[in-house]
């Protein structure tokens, strides 16, 4: 993945797409309309959600289907490629559940070390 013939912009999993993982989870149960995605993703602005959906469609993770109805209806759905991310996501979530205590302890220890003034060497 990090070889000279594999530039960062071609990374197979877009770690920079902050909301992609949540969008994938929202689409796990089947196609949803934009307004249906807005409910569980209320923290995401409509602009950012649109940009994320567009990027994920470009990467082949989701499809966007527009129906010629009045009013227009658009649905988003996971592709087989997008669905293939569910198992690695489940594994990452399980790892997080198993190691959450260790992670929190490490963060707390780090914060204590950083917050402590440097030692002067005097008693």
PDB file of N, CA and C in Angstrom:
ATOM      1  N   UNK A   1       0.817  -1.191   0.000  1.00  0.00           N
ATOM      2  CA  UNK A   1       0.000   0.000   0.000  1.00  0.00           C
ATOM      3  C   UNK A   1       0.862   1.256   0.000  1.00  0.00           C
ATOM      4  N   UNK A   2       2.036   1.218   0.595  1.00  0.00           N
ATOM      5  CA  UNK A   2       2.866   2.407   0.685  1.00  0.00           C
ATOM      6  C   UNK A   2       4.053   2.357  -0.260  1.00  0.00           C
ATOM      7  N   UNK A   3       4.032   1.428  -1.206  1.00  0.00           N
ATOM      8  CA  UNK A   3       5.107   1.322  -2.182  1.00  0.00           C
ATOM      9  C   UNK A   3       5.084   2.500  -3.137  1.00  0.00           C
ATOM     10  N   UNK A   4       6.180   2.681  -3.877  1.00  0.00           N
ATOM     11  CA  UNK A   4       6.273   3.827  -4.793  1.00  0.00           C
ATOM     12  C   UNK A   4       5.222   3.798  -5.902  1.00  0.00           C
ATOM     13  N   UNK A   5       4.705   2.618  -6.245  1.00  0.00           N
ATOM     14  CA  UNK A   5       3.700   2.537  -7.299  1.00  0.00           C
ATOM     15  C   UNK A   5       2.278   2.596  -6.751  1.00  0.00           C
ATOM     16  N   UNK A   6       2.131   2.893  -5.459  1.00  0.00           N
ATOM     17  CA  UNK A   6       0.802   2.990  -4.842  1.00  0.00           C
ATOM     18  C   UNK A   6       0.713   4.314  -4.097  1.00  0.00           C
ATOM     19  N   UNK A   7       0.348   5.395  -4.788  1.00  0.00           N
ATOM     20  CA  UNK A   7       0.274   6.696  -4.118  1.00  0.00           C
ATOM     21  C   UNK A   7      -0.813   6.727  -3.059  1.00  0.00           C
ATOM     22  N   UNK A   8      -0.656   7.614  -2.104  1.00  0.00           N
ATOM     23  CA  UNK A   8      -1.621   7.727  -1.000  1.00  0.00           C
ATOM     24  C   UNK A   8      -3.032   7.975  -1.477  1.00  0.00           C
ATOM     25  N   UNK A   9      -3.207   8.704  -2.564  1.00  0.00           N
ATOM     26  CA  UNK A   9      -4.559   9.002  -3.017  1.00  0.00           C
ATOM     27  C   UNK A   9      -5.283   7.764  -3.506  1.00  0.00           C
ATOM     28  N   UNK A  10      -4.551   6.674  -3.695  1.00  0.00           N
ATOM     29  CA  UNK A  10      -5.170   5.433  -4.154  1.00  0.00           C
ATOM     30  C   UNK A  10      -5.330   4.430  -3.019  1.00  0.00           C
ATOM     31  N   UNK A  11      -5.222   4.909  -1.794  1.00  0.00           N
ATOM     32  CA  UNK A  11      -5.356   3.993  -0.664  1.00  0.00           C
ATOM     33  C   UNK A  11      -6.699   3.283  -0.744  1.00  0.00           C
ATOM     34  N   UNK A  12      -6.719   1.967  -0.523  1.00  0.00           N
ATOM     35  CA  UNK A  12      -7.967   1.224  -0.655  1.00  0.00           C
ATOM     36  C   UNK A  12      -9.012   1.574   0.396  1.00  0.00           C
ATOM     37  N   UNK A  13      -8.607   1.958   1.578  1.00  0.00           N
ATOM     38  CA  UNK A  13      -9.557   2.342   2.617  1.00  0.00           C
ATOM     39  C   UNK A  13      -9.286   3.797   2.951  1.00  0.00           C
ATOM     40  N   UNK A  14     -10.274   4.631   2.731  1.00  0.00           N
ATOM     41  CA  UNK A  14     -10.109   6.066   2.916  1.00  0.00           C
ATOM     42  C   UNK A  14     -10.206   6.419   4.403  1.00  0.00           C
ATOM     43  N   UNK A  15      -9.039   6.502   5.048  1.00  0.00           N
ATOM     44  CA  UNK A  15      -9.029   6.843   6.461  1.00  0.00           C
ATOM     45  C   UNK A  15      -9.377   8.306   6.691  1.00  0.00           C
ATOM     46  N   UNK A  16      -9.266   9.116   5.641  1.00  0.00           N
ATOM     47  CA  UNK A  16      -9.561  10.530   5.795  1.00  0.00           C
ATOM     48  C   UNK A  16     -11.052  10.829   5.716  1.00  0.00           C
ATOM     49  N   UNK A  17     -11.835   9.870   5.303  1.00  0.00           N
ATOM     50  CA  UNK A  17     -13.278  10.065   5.199  1.00  0.00           C
ATOM     51  C   UNK A  17     -13.897   9.832   6.577  1.00  0.00           C
ATOM     52  N   UNK A  18     -13.982  10.891   7.339  1.00  0.00           N
ATOM     53  CA  UNK A  18     -14.396  10.815   8.738  1.00  0.00           C
ATOM     54  C   UNK A  18     -15.725  10.093   8.947  1.00  0.00           C
ATOM     55  N   UNK A  19     -16.675  10.317   8.067  1.00  0.00           N
ATOM     56  CA  UNK A  19     -18.021   9.781   8.282  1.00  0.00           C
ATOM     57  C   UNK A  19     -18.283   8.496   7.523  1.00  0.00           C
ATOM     58  N   UNK A  20     -17.352   8.049   6.706  1.00  0.00           N
ATOM     59  CA  UNK A  20     -17.580   6.874   5.857  1.00  0.00           C
ATOM     60  C   UNK A  20     -17.987   5.649   6.666  1.00  0.00           C
ATOM     61  N   UNK A  21     -17.320   5.417   7.782  1.00  0.00           N
ATOM     62  CA  UNK A  21     -17.626   4.220   8.568  1.00  0.00           C
ATOM     63  C   UNK A  21     -19.048   4.255   9.091  1.00  0.00           C
ATOM     64  N   UNK A  22     -19.497   5.421   9.536  1.00  0.00           N
ATOM     65  CA  UNK A  22     -20.872   5.537  10.044  1.00  0.00           C
ATOM     66  C   UNK A  22     -21.886   5.406   8.909  1.00  0.00           C
ATOM     67  N   UNK A  23     -21.568   5.957   7.755  1.00  0.00           N
ATOM     68  CA  UNK A  23     -22.466   5.839   6.606  1.00  0.00           C
ATOM     69  C   UNK A  23     -22.614   4.373   6.215  1.00  0.00           C
ATOM     70  N   UNK A  24     -21.495   3.654   6.203  1.00  0.00           N
ATOM     71  CA  UNK A  24     -21.549   2.226   5.868  1.00  0.00           C
ATOM     72  C   UNK A  24     -22.459   1.497   6.852  1.00  0.00           C
ATOM     73  N   UNK A  25     -22.333   1.788   8.121  1.00  0.00           N
ATOM     74  CA  UNK A  25     -23.202   1.150   9.124  1.00  0.00           C
ATOM     75  C   UNK A  25     -24.664   1.516   8.894  1.00  0.00           C
ATOM     76  N   UNK A  26     -24.928   2.756   8.523  1.00  0.00           N
ATOM     77  CA  UNK A  26     -26.310   3.178   8.276  1.00  0.00           C
ATOM     78  C   UNK A  26     -26.908   2.470   7.064  1.00  0.00           C
ATOM     79  N   UNK A  27     -26.078   2.123   6.093  1.00  0.00           N
ATOM     80  CA  UNK A  27     -26.564   1.462   4.883  1.00  0.00           C
ATOM     81  C   UNK A  27     -26.514  -0.057   4.972  1.00  0.00           C
ATOM     82  N   UNK A  28     -26.018  -0.570   6.079  1.00  0.00           N
ATOM     83  CA  UNK A  28     -25.871  -2.014   6.259  1.00  0.00           C
ATOM     84  C   UNK A  28     -27.203  -2.758   6.091  1.00  0.00           C
ATOM     85  N   UNK A  29     -28.287  -2.161   6.544  1.00  0.00           N
ATOM     86  CA  UNK A  29     -29.592  -2.822   6.489  1.00  0.00           C
ATOM     87  C   UNK A  29     -30.316  -2.683   5.168  1.00  0.00           C
ATOM     88  N   UNK A  30     -29.768  -1.906   4.254  1.00  0.00           N
ATOM     89  CA  UNK A  30     -30.408  -1.734   2.952  1.00  0.00           C
ATOM     90  C   UNK A  30     -30.381  -0.285   2.516  1.00  0.00           C
ATOM     91  N   UNK A  31     -30.926  -0.020   1.329  1.00  0.00           N
ATOM     92  CA  UNK A  31     -30.904   1.335   0.767  1.00  0.00           C
ATOM     93  C   UNK A  31     -31.625   2.339   1.665  1.00  0.00           C
ATOM     94  N   UNK A  32     -31.116   3.572   1.639  1.00  0.00           N
ATOM     95  CA  UNK A  32     -31.741   4.653   2.397  1.00  0.00           C
ATOM     96  C   UNK A  32     -31.682   5.939   1.604  1.00  0.00           C
ATOM     97  N   UNK A  33     -32.674   6.776   1.839  1.00  0.00           N
ATOM     98  CA  UNK A  33     -32.694   8.094   1.231  1.00  0.00           C
ATOM     99  C   UNK A  33     -31.824   9.043   2.040  1.00  0.00           C
ATOM    100  N   UNK A  34     -31.461  10.162   1.414  1.00  0.00           N
ATOM    101  CA  UNK A  34     -30.626  11.162   2.075  1.00  0.00           C
ATOM    102  C   UNK A  34     -31.250  11.594   3.398  1.00  0.00           C
ATOM    103  N   UNK A  35     -32.540  11.878   3.383  1.00  0.00           N
ATOM    104  CA  UNK A  35     -33.217  12.328   4.605  1.00  0.00           C
ATOM    105  C   UNK A  35     -33.212  11.239   5.680  1.00  0.00           C
ATOM    106  N   UNK A  36     -33.242   9.989   5.277  1.00  0.00           N
ATOM    107  CA  UNK A  36     -33.177   8.883   6.243  1.00  0.00           C
ATOM    108  C   UNK A  36     -31.784   8.766   6.848  1.00  0.00           C
ATOM    109  N   UNK A  37     -30.766   9.099   6.079  1.00  0.00           N
ATOM    110  CA  UNK A  37     -29.393   9.085   6.607  1.00  0.00           C
ATOM    111  C   UNK A  37     -29.162  10.249   7.567  1.00  0.00           C
ATOM    112  N   UNK A  38     -29.854  11.352   7.341  1.00  0.00           N
ATOM    113  CA  UNK A  38     -29.676  12.535   8.185  1.00  0.00           C
ATOM    114  C   UNK A  38     -30.087  12.282   9.633  1.00  0.00           C
ATOM    115  N   UNK A  39     -31.022  11.362   9.873  1.00  0.00           N
ATOM    116  CA  UNK A  39     -31.505  11.123  11.238  1.00  0.00           C
ATOM    117  C   UNK A  39     -30.386  10.540  12.115  1.00  0.00           C
ATOM    118  N   UNK A  40     -29.797   9.382  11.768  1.00  0.00           N
ATOM    119  CA  UNK A  40     -28.735   8.866  12.634  1.00  0.00           C
ATOM    120  C   UNK A  40     -27.430   9.653  12.517  1.00  0.00           C
ATOM    121  N   UNK A  41     -27.276  10.417  11.438  1.00  0.00           N
ATOM    122  CA  UNK A  41     -26.052  11.190  11.220  1.00  0.00           C
ATOM    123  C   UNK A  41     -26.308  12.679  11.435  1.00  0.00           C
ATOM    124  N   UNK A  42     -27.078  13.003  12.448  1.00  0.00           N
ATOM    125  CA  UNK A  42     -27.486  14.391  12.699  1.00  0.00           C
ATOM    126  C   UNK A  42     -26.302  15.323  12.929  1.00  0.00           C
ATOM    127  N   UNK A  43     -25.176  14.786  13.391  1.00  0.00           N
ATOM    128  CA  UNK A  43     -23.993  15.621  13.647  1.00  0.00           C
ATOM    129  C   UNK A  43     -23.290  16.040  12.353  1.00  0.00           C
ATOM    130  N   UNK A  44     -23.636  15.408  11.257  1.00  0.00           N
ATOM    131  CA  UNK A  44     -23.006  15.686   9.969  1.00  0.00           C
ATOM    132  C   UNK A  44     -23.837  16.737   9.238  1.00  0.00           C
ATOM    133  N   UNK A  45     -23.179  17.779   8.763  1.00  0.00           N
ATOM    134  CA  UNK A  45     -23.918  18.783   7.997  1.00  0.00           C
ATOM    135  C   UNK A  45     -24.341  18.178   6.661  1.00  0.00           C
ATOM    136  N   UNK A  46     -25.427  18.680   6.084  1.00  0.00           N
ATOM    137  CA  UNK A  46     -25.853  18.162   4.782  1.00  0.00           C
ATOM    138  C   UNK A  46     -24.760  18.253   3.717  1.00  0.00           C
ATOM    139  N   UNK A  47     -23.994  19.341   3.738  1.00  0.00           N
ATOM    140  CA  UNK A  47     -22.908  19.508   2.762  1.00  0.00           C
ATOM    141  C   UNK A  47     -21.857  18.413   2.909  1.00  0.00           C
ATOM    142  N   UNK A  48     -21.442  18.156   4.140  1.00  0.00           N
ATOM    143  CA  UNK A  48     -20.414  17.139   4.382  1.00  0.00           C
ATOM    144  C   UNK A  48     -20.957  15.748   4.073  1.00  0.00           C
ATOM    145  N   UNK A  49     -22.214  15.500   4.404  1.00  0.00           N
ATOM    146  CA  UNK A  49     -22.812  14.200   4.080  1.00  0.00           C
ATOM    147  C   UNK A  49     -22.843  14.003   2.571  1.00  0.00           C
ATOM    148  N   UNK A  50     -23.237  15.033   1.836  1.00  0.00           N
ATOM    149  CA  UNK A  50     -23.256  14.943   0.372  1.00  0.00           C
ATOM    150  C   UNK A  50     -21.862  14.669  -0.185  1.00  0.00           C
ATOM    151  N   UNK A  51     -20.865  15.383   0.332  1.00  0.00           N
ATOM    152  CA  UNK A  51     -19.486  15.181  -0.123  1.00  0.00           C
ATOM    153  C   UNK A  51     -19.003  13.770   0.188  1.00  0.00           C
ATOM    154  N   UNK A  52     -19.337  13.276   1.374  1.00  0.00           N
ATOM    155  CA  UNK A  52     -18.933  11.928   1.772  1.00  0.00           C
ATOM    156  C   UNK A  52     -19.584  10.879   0.888  1.00  0.00           C
ATOM    157  N   UNK A  53     -20.887  11.041   0.640  1.00  0.00           N
ATOM    158  CA  UNK A  53     -21.600  10.092  -0.221  1.00  0.00           C
ATOM    159  C   UNK A  53     -21.020  10.107  -1.633  1.00  0.00           C
ATOM    160  N   UNK A  54     -20.695  11.284  -2.139  1.00  0.00           N
ATOM    161  CA  UNK A  54     -20.114  11.407  -3.474  1.00  0.00           C
ATOM    162  C   UNK A  54     -18.752  10.695  -3.533  1.00  0.00           C
ATOM    163  N   UNK A  55     -17.913  10.910  -2.521  1.00  0.00           N
ATOM    164  CA  UNK A  55     -16.595  10.275  -2.482  1.00  0.00           C
ATOM    165  C   UNK A  55     -16.724   8.755  -2.387  1.00  0.00           C
ATOM    166  N   UNK A  56     -17.675   8.291  -1.595  1.00  0.00           N
ATOM    167  CA  UNK A  56     -17.863   6.849  -1.442  1.00  0.00           C
ATOM    168  C   UNK A  56     -18.404   6.226  -2.725  1.00  0.00           C
ATOM    169  N   UNK A  57     -19.255   6.956  -3.442  1.00  0.00           N
ATOM    170  CA  UNK A  57     -19.756   6.468  -4.729  1.00  0.00           C
ATOM    171  C   UNK A  57     -18.607   6.413  -5.736  1.00  0.00           C
ATOM    172  N   UNK A  58     -17.768   7.440  -5.723  1.00  0.00           N
ATOM    173  CA  UNK A  58     -16.606   7.476  -6.619  1.00  0.00           C
ATOM    174  C   UNK A  58     -15.686   6.288  -6.357  1.00  0.00           C
ATOM    175  N   UNK A  59     -15.545   5.906  -5.083  1.00  0.00           N
ATOM    176  CA  UNK A  59     -14.680   4.782  -4.713  1.00  0.00           C
ATOM    177  C   UNK A  59     -15.348   3.430  -4.918  1.00  0.00           C
ATOM    178  N   UNK A  60     -16.619   3.433  -5.310  1.00  0.00           N
ATOM    179  CA  UNK A  60     -17.312   2.178  -5.566  1.00  0.00           C
ATOM    180  C   UNK A  60     -17.864   1.499  -4.330  1.00  0.00           C
ATOM    181  N   UNK A  61     -17.954   2.235  -3.212  1.00  0.00           N
ATOM    182  CA  UNK A  61     -18.455   1.652  -1.965  1.00  0.00           C
ATOM    183  C   UNK A  61     -19.971   1.698  -1.872  1.00  0.00           C
ATOM    184  N   UNK A  62     -20.572   2.691  -2.520  1.00  0.00           N
ATOM    185  CA  UNK A  62     -22.022   2.825  -2.515  1.00  0.00           C
ATOM    186  C   UNK A  62     -22.508   3.152  -3.924  1.00  0.00           C
ATOM    187  N   UNK A  63     -23.800   2.956  -4.129  1.00  0.00           N
ATOM    188  CA  UNK A  63     -24.437   3.395  -5.362  1.00  0.00           C
ATOM    189  C   UNK A  63     -25.438   4.484  -5.029  1.00  0.00           C
ATOM    190  N   UNK A  64     -25.669   5.349  -5.990  1.00  0.00           N
ATOM    191  CA  UNK A  64     -26.684   6.402  -5.878  1.00  0.00           C
ATOM    192  C   UNK A  64     -27.671   6.151  -7.004  1.00  0.00           C
ATOM    193  N   UNK A  65     -28.915   5.893  -6.646  1.00  0.00           N
ATOM    194  CA  UNK A  65     -29.943   5.626  -7.641  1.00  0.00           C
ATOM    195  C   UNK A  65     -31.004   6.710  -7.562  1.00  0.00           C
ATOM    196  N   UNK A  66     -31.181   7.421  -8.683  1.00  0.00           N
ATOM    197  CA  UNK A  66     -32.206   8.464  -8.773  1.00  0.00           C
ATOM    198  C   UNK A  66     -33.405   7.892  -9.516  1.00  0.00           C
ATOM    199  N   UNK A  67     -34.580   8.041  -8.926  1.00  0.00           N
ATOM    200  CA  UNK A  67     -35.817   7.553  -9.526  1.00  0.00           C
ATOM    201  C   UNK A  67     -36.558   8.727 -10.154  1.00  0.00           C
ATOM    202  N   UNK A  68     -37.027   8.565 -11.389  1.00  0.00           N
ATOM    203  CA  UNK A  68     -37.727   9.660 -12.070  1.00  0.00           C
ATOM    204  C   UNK A  68     -39.164   9.802 -11.572  1.00  0.00           C
ATOM    205  N   UNK A  69     -39.295  10.314 -10.380  1.00  0.00           N
ATOM    206  CA  UNK A  69     -40.607  10.498  -9.766  1.00  0.00           C
ATOM    207  C   UNK A  69     -40.790  11.963  -9.422  1.00  0.00           C
ATOM    208  N   UNK A  70     -42.010  12.308  -9.067  1.00  0.00           N
ATOM    209  CA  UNK A  70     -42.265  13.651  -8.615  1.00  0.00           C
ATOM    210  C   UNK A  70     -42.893  13.580  -7.234  1.00  0.00           C
ATOM    211  N   UNK A  71     -42.247  13.996  -6.169  1.00  0.00           N
ATOM    212  CA  UNK A  71     -40.916  14.608  -6.147  1.00  0.00           C
ATOM    213  C   UNK A  71     -39.820  13.566  -6.397  1.00  0.00           C
ATOM    214  N   UNK A  72     -38.645  14.029  -6.832  1.00  0.00           N
ATOM    215  CA  UNK A  72     -37.548  13.103  -7.116  1.00  0.00           C
ATOM    216  C   UNK A  72     -37.157  12.307  -5.875  1.00  0.00           C
ATOM    217  N   UNK A  73     -36.786  11.082  -6.099  1.00  0.00           N
ATOM    218  CA  UNK A  73     -36.349  10.211  -4.995  1.00  0.00           C
ATOM    219  C   UNK A  73     -34.974   9.664  -5.351  1.00  0.00           C
ATOM    220  N   UNK A  74     -34.039   9.750  -4.387  1.00  0.00           N
ATOM    221  CA  UNK A  74     -32.682   9.233  -4.556  1.00  0.00           C
ATOM    222  C   UNK A  74     -32.395   8.304  -3.390  1.00  0.00           C
ATOM    223  N   UNK A  75     -31.852   7.138  -3.695  1.00  0.00           N
ATOM    224  CA  UNK A  75     -31.473   6.182  -2.651  1.00  0.00           C
ATOM    225  C   UNK A  75     -29.992   5.853  -2.766  1.00  0.00           C
ATOM    226  N   UNK A  76     -29.405   5.594  -1.611  1.00  0.00           N
ATOM    227  CA  UNK A  76     -28.012   5.179  -1.520  1.00  0.00           C
ATOM    228  C   UNK A  76     -27.982   3.766  -0.967  1.00  0.00           C
ATOM    229  N   UNK A  77     -27.089   2.945  -1.507  1.00  0.00           N
ATOM    230  CA  UNK A  77     -26.984   1.551  -1.060  1.00  0.00           C
ATOM    231  C   UNK A  77     -25.523   1.117  -1.127  1.00  0.00           C
ATOM    232  N   UNK A  78     -25.181   0.166  -0.286  1.00  0.00           N
ATOM    233  CA  UNK A  78     -23.835  -0.402  -0.329  1.00  0.00           C
ATOM    234  C   UNK A  78     -23.681  -1.276  -1.568  1.00  0.00           C
ATOM    235  N   UNK A  79     -22.518  -1.210  -2.161  1.00  0.00           N
ATOM    236  CA  UNK A  79     -22.165  -2.139  -3.227  1.00  0.00           C
ATOM    237  C   UNK A  79     -21.576  -3.383  -2.570  1.00  0.00           C
ATOM    238  N   UNK A  80     -21.288  -4.394  -3.349  1.00  0.00           N
ATOM    239  CA  UNK A  80     -20.608  -5.571  -2.796  1.00  0.00           C
ATOM    240  C   UNK A  80     -19.262  -5.172  -2.210  1.00  0.00           C
ATOM    241  N   UNK A  81     -18.588  -4.234  -2.870  1.00  0.00           N
ATOM    242  CA  UNK A  81     -17.301  -3.755  -2.358  1.00  0.00           C
ATOM    243  C   UNK A  81     -17.484  -3.071  -1.009  1.00  0.00           C
ATOM    244  N   UNK A  82     -18.484  -2.211  -0.898  1.00  0.00           N
ATOM    245  CA  UNK A  82     -18.761  -1.546   0.373  1.00  0.00           C
ATOM    246  C   UNK A  82     -19.160  -2.533   1.449  1.00  0.00           C
ATOM    247  N   UNK A  83     -19.984  -3.505   1.081  1.00  0.00           N
ATOM    248  CA  UNK A  83     -20.411  -4.530   2.038  1.00  0.00           C
ATOM    249  C   UNK A  83     -19.222  -5.361   2.529  1.00  0.00           C
ATOM    250  N   UNK A  84     -18.190  -5.508   1.694  1.00  0.00           N
ATOM    251  CA  UNK A  84     -17.015  -6.298   2.087  1.00  0.00           C
ATOM    252  C   UNK A  84     -16.240  -5.625   3.218  1.00  0.00           C
ATOM    253  N   UNK A  85     -16.510  -4.354   3.491  1.00  0.00           N
ATOM    254  CA  UNK A  85     -15.857  -3.665   4.610  1.00  0.00           C
ATOM    255  C   UNK A  85     -16.502  -3.980   5.960  1.00  0.00           C
ATOM    256  N   UNK A  86     -17.682  -4.568   5.953  1.00  0.00           N
ATOM    257  CA  UNK A  86     -18.382  -4.828   7.218  1.00  0.00           C
ATOM    258  C   UNK A  86     -17.606  -5.775   8.124  1.00  0.00           C
ATOM    259  N   UNK A  87     -17.029  -6.836   7.571  1.00  0.00           N
ATOM    260  CA  UNK A  87     -16.279  -7.791   8.404  1.00  0.00           C
ATOM    261  C   UNK A  87     -15.038  -7.136   9.021  1.00  0.00           C
ATOM    262  N   UNK A  88     -14.212  -6.399   8.261  1.00  0.00           N
ATOM    263  CA  UNK A  88     -13.090  -5.715   8.907  1.00  0.00           C
ATOM    264  C   UNK A  88     -13.540  -4.682   9.935  1.00  0.00           C
ATOM    265  N   UNK A  89     -14.667  -4.006   9.669  1.00  0.00           N
ATOM    266  CA  UNK A  89     -15.183  -3.044  10.637  1.00  0.00           C
ATOM    267  C   UNK A  89     -15.606  -3.753  11.921  1.00  0.00           C
ATOM    268  N   UNK A  90     -16.261  -4.909  11.776  1.00  0.00           N
ATOM    269  CA  UNK A  90     -16.653  -5.688  12.948  1.00  0.00           C
ATOM    270  C   UNK A  90     -15.427  -6.105  13.752  1.00  0.00           C
ATOM    271  N   UNK A  91     -14.373  -6.513  13.048  1.00  0.00           N
ATOM    272  CA  UNK A  91     -13.135  -6.921  13.726  1.00  0.00           C
ATOM    273  C   UNK A  91     -12.517  -5.742  14.466  1.00  0.00           C
ATOM    274  N   UNK A  92     -12.503  -4.566  13.843  1.00  0.00           N
ATOM    275  CA  UNK A  92     -11.947  -3.379  14.497  1.00  0.00           C
ATOM    276  C   UNK A  92     -12.768  -3.000  15.724  1.00  0.00           C
ATOM    277  N   UNK A  93     -14.093  -3.106  15.620  1.00  0.00           N
ATOM    278  CA  UNK A  93     -14.959  -2.804  16.775  1.00  0.00           C
ATOM    279  C   UNK A  93     -14.716  -3.790  17.910  1.00  0.00           C
ATOM    280  N   UNK A  94     -14.586  -5.052  17.572  1.00  0.00           N
ATOM    281  CA  UNK A  94     -14.319  -6.068  18.597  1.00  0.00           C
ATOM    282  C   UNK A  94     -12.979  -5.814  19.276  1.00  0.00           C
ATOM    283  N   UNK A  95     -11.965  -5.471  18.483  1.00  0.00           N
ATOM    284  CA  UNK A  95     -10.650  -5.151  19.042  1.00  0.00           C
ATOM    285  C   UNK A  95     -10.784  -3.974  20.004  1.00  0.00           C
ATOM    286  N   UNK A  96     -11.541  -2.957  19.596  1.00  0.00           N
ATOM    287  CA  UNK A  96     -11.746  -1.786  20.446  1.00  0.00           C
ATOM    288  C   UNK A  96     -12.448  -2.140  21.748  1.00  0.00           C
ATOM    289  N   UNK A  97     -13.474  -2.988  21.660  1.00  0.00           N
ATOM    290  CA  UNK A  97     -14.171  -3.413  22.890  1.00  0.00           C
ATOM    291  C   UNK A  97     -13.228  -4.172  23.821  1.00  0.00           C
ATOM    292  N   UNK A  98     -12.401  -5.036  23.231  1.00  0.00           N
ATOM    293  CA  UNK A  98     -11.496  -5.854  24.032  1.00  0.00           C
ATOM    294  C   UNK A  98     -10.394  -5.023  24.696  1.00  0.00           C
ATOM    295  N   UNK A  99      -9.973  -3.956  24.033  1.00  0.00           N
ATOM    296  CA  UNK A  99      -8.810  -3.206  24.509  1.00  0.00           C
ATOM    297  C   UNK A  99      -9.132  -1.788  24.968  1.00  0.00           C
ATOM    298  N   UNK A 100     -10.410  -1.459  25.103  1.00  0.00           N
ATOM    299  CA  UNK A 100     -10.788  -0.105  25.476  1.00  0.00           C
ATOM    300  C   UNK A 100     -10.163   0.308  26.807  1.00  0.00           C
ATOM    301  N   UNK A 101     -10.200  -0.541  27.798  1.00  0.00           N
ATOM    302  CA  UNK A 101      -9.611  -0.216  29.098  1.00  0.00           C
ATOM    303  C   UNK A 101      -8.134   0.106  28.993  1.00  0.00           C
ATOM    304  N   UNK A 102      -7.407  -0.708  28.225  1.00  0.00           N
ATOM    305  CA  UNK A 102      -5.973  -0.466  28.031  1.00  0.00           C
ATOM    306  C   UNK A 102      -5.720   0.858  27.322  1.00  0.00           C
ATOM    307  N   UNK A 103      -6.533   1.153  26.321  1.00  0.00           N
ATOM    308  CA  UNK A 103      -6.375   2.410  25.586  1.00  0.00           C
ATOM    309  C   UNK A 103      -6.620   3.606  26.495  1.00  0.00           C
ATOM    310  N   UNK A 104      -7.691   3.539  27.289  1.00  0.00           N
ATOM    311  CA  UNK A 104      -8.002   4.646  28.190  1.00  0.00           C
ATOM    312  C   UNK A 104      -6.925   4.815  29.249  1.00  0.00           C
ATOM    313  N   UNK A 105      -6.405   3.692  29.773  1.00  0.00           N
ATOM    314  CA  UNK A 105      -5.316   3.757  30.756  1.00  0.00           C
ATOM    315  C   UNK A 105      -4.074   4.390  30.145  1.00  0.00           C
ATOM    316  N   UNK A 106      -3.743   4.001  28.918  1.00  0.00           N
ATOM    317  CA  UNK A 106      -2.566   4.546  28.240  1.00  0.00           C
ATOM    318  C   UNK A 106      -2.721   6.047  28.007  1.00  0.00           C
ATOM    319  N   UNK A 107      -3.907   6.476  27.605  1.00  0.00           N
ATOM    320  CA  UNK A 107      -4.144   7.904  27.381  1.00  0.00           C
ATOM    321  C   UNK A 107      -3.996   8.692  28.674  1.00  0.00           C
ATOM    322  N   UNK A 108      -4.570   8.136  29.738  1.00  0.00           N
ATOM    323  CA  UNK A 108      -4.495   8.809  31.037  1.00  0.00           C
ATOM    324  C   UNK A 108      -3.049   8.907  31.516  1.00  0.00           C
ATOM    325  N   UNK A 109      -2.285   7.830  31.370  1.00  0.00           N
ATOM    326  CA  UNK A 109      -0.873   7.839  31.769  1.00  0.00           C
ATOM    327  C   UNK A 109      -0.093   8.853  30.940  1.00  0.00           C
ATOM    328  N   UNK A 110      -0.383   8.918  29.658  1.00  0.00           N
ATOM    329  CA  UNK A 110       0.298   9.874  28.785  1.00  0.00           C
ATOM    330  C   UNK A 110      -0.011  11.304  29.222  1.00  0.00           C
ATOM    331  N   UNK A 111      -1.280  11.588  29.485  1.00  0.00           N
ATOM    332  CA  UNK A 111      -1.675  12.934  29.911  1.00  0.00           C
ATOM    333  C   UNK A 111      -1.001  13.322  31.225  1.00  0.00           C
ATOM    334  N   UNK A 112      -0.868  12.365  32.138  1.00  0.00           N
ATOM    335  CA  UNK A 112      -0.176  12.657  33.407  1.00  0.00           C
ATOM    336  C   UNK A 112       1.289  12.990  33.141  1.00  0.00           C
ATOM    337  N   UNK A 113       1.929  12.226  32.245  1.00  0.00           N
ATOM    338  CA  UNK A 113       3.349  12.482  31.937  1.00  0.00           C
ATOM    339  C   UNK A 113       3.531  13.838  31.273  1.00  0.00           C
ATOM    340  N   UNK A 114       2.675  14.169  30.358  1.00  0.00           N
ATOM    341  CA  UNK A 114       2.790  15.427  29.631  1.00  0.00           C
ATOM    342  C   UNK A 114       2.491  16.606  30.538  1.00  0.00           C
ATOM    343  N   UNK A 115       1.559  16.444  31.452  1.00  0.00           N
ATOM    344  CA  UNK A 115       1.152  17.534  32.335  1.00  0.00           C
ATOM    345  C   UNK A 115       2.162  17.788  33.459  1.00  0.00           C
ATOM    346  N   UNK A 116       3.032  16.831  33.753  1.00  0.00           N
ATOM    347  CA  UNK A 116       3.989  16.992  34.846  1.00  0.00           C
ATOM    348  C   UNK A 116       5.109  17.926  34.404  1.00  0.00           C
ATOM    349  N   UNK A 117       5.482  18.906  35.268  1.00  0.00           N
ATOM    350  CA  UNK A 117       6.602  19.787  34.918  1.00  0.00           C
ATOM    351  C   UNK A 117       7.900  18.979  34.869  1.00  0.00           C
ATOM    352  N   UNK A 118       8.837  19.391  34.040  1.00  0.00           N
ATOM    353  CA  UNK A 118      10.106  18.648  33.953  1.00  0.00           C
ATOM    354  C   UNK A 118      10.832  18.661  35.288  1.00  0.00           C
ATOM    355  N   UNK A 119      11.486  17.575  35.576  1.00  0.00           N
ATOM    356  CA  UNK A 119      12.245  17.443  36.836  1.00  0.00           C
ATOM    357  C   UNK A 119      13.491  18.328  36.787  1.00  0.00           C
ATOM    358  N   UNK A 120      13.771  19.005  37.906  1.00  0.00           N
ATOM    359  CA  UNK A 120      14.951  19.877  37.970  1.00  0.00           C
ATOM    360  C   UNK A 120      16.153  19.108  38.480  1.00  0.00           C
ATOM    361  N   UNK A 121      15.929  17.922  38.952  1.00  0.00           N
ATOM    362  CA  UNK A 121      17.046  17.143  39.493  1.00  0.00           C
ATOM    363  C   UNK A 121      17.363  17.460  40.944  1.00  0.00           C
ATOM    364  N   UNK A 122      16.675  18.416  41.535  1.00  0.00           N
ATOM    365  CA  UNK A 122      16.889  18.768  42.953  1.00  0.00           C
ATOM    366  C   UNK A 122      15.807  18.103  43.802  1.00  0.00           C
ATOM    367  N   UNK A 123      16.181  17.666  45.018  1.00  0.00           N
ATOM    368  CA  UNK A 123      15.186  17.059  45.902  1.00  0.00           C
ATOM    369  C   UNK A 123      14.161  18.013  46.417  1.00  0.00           C
TER     370      UNK A 123
END
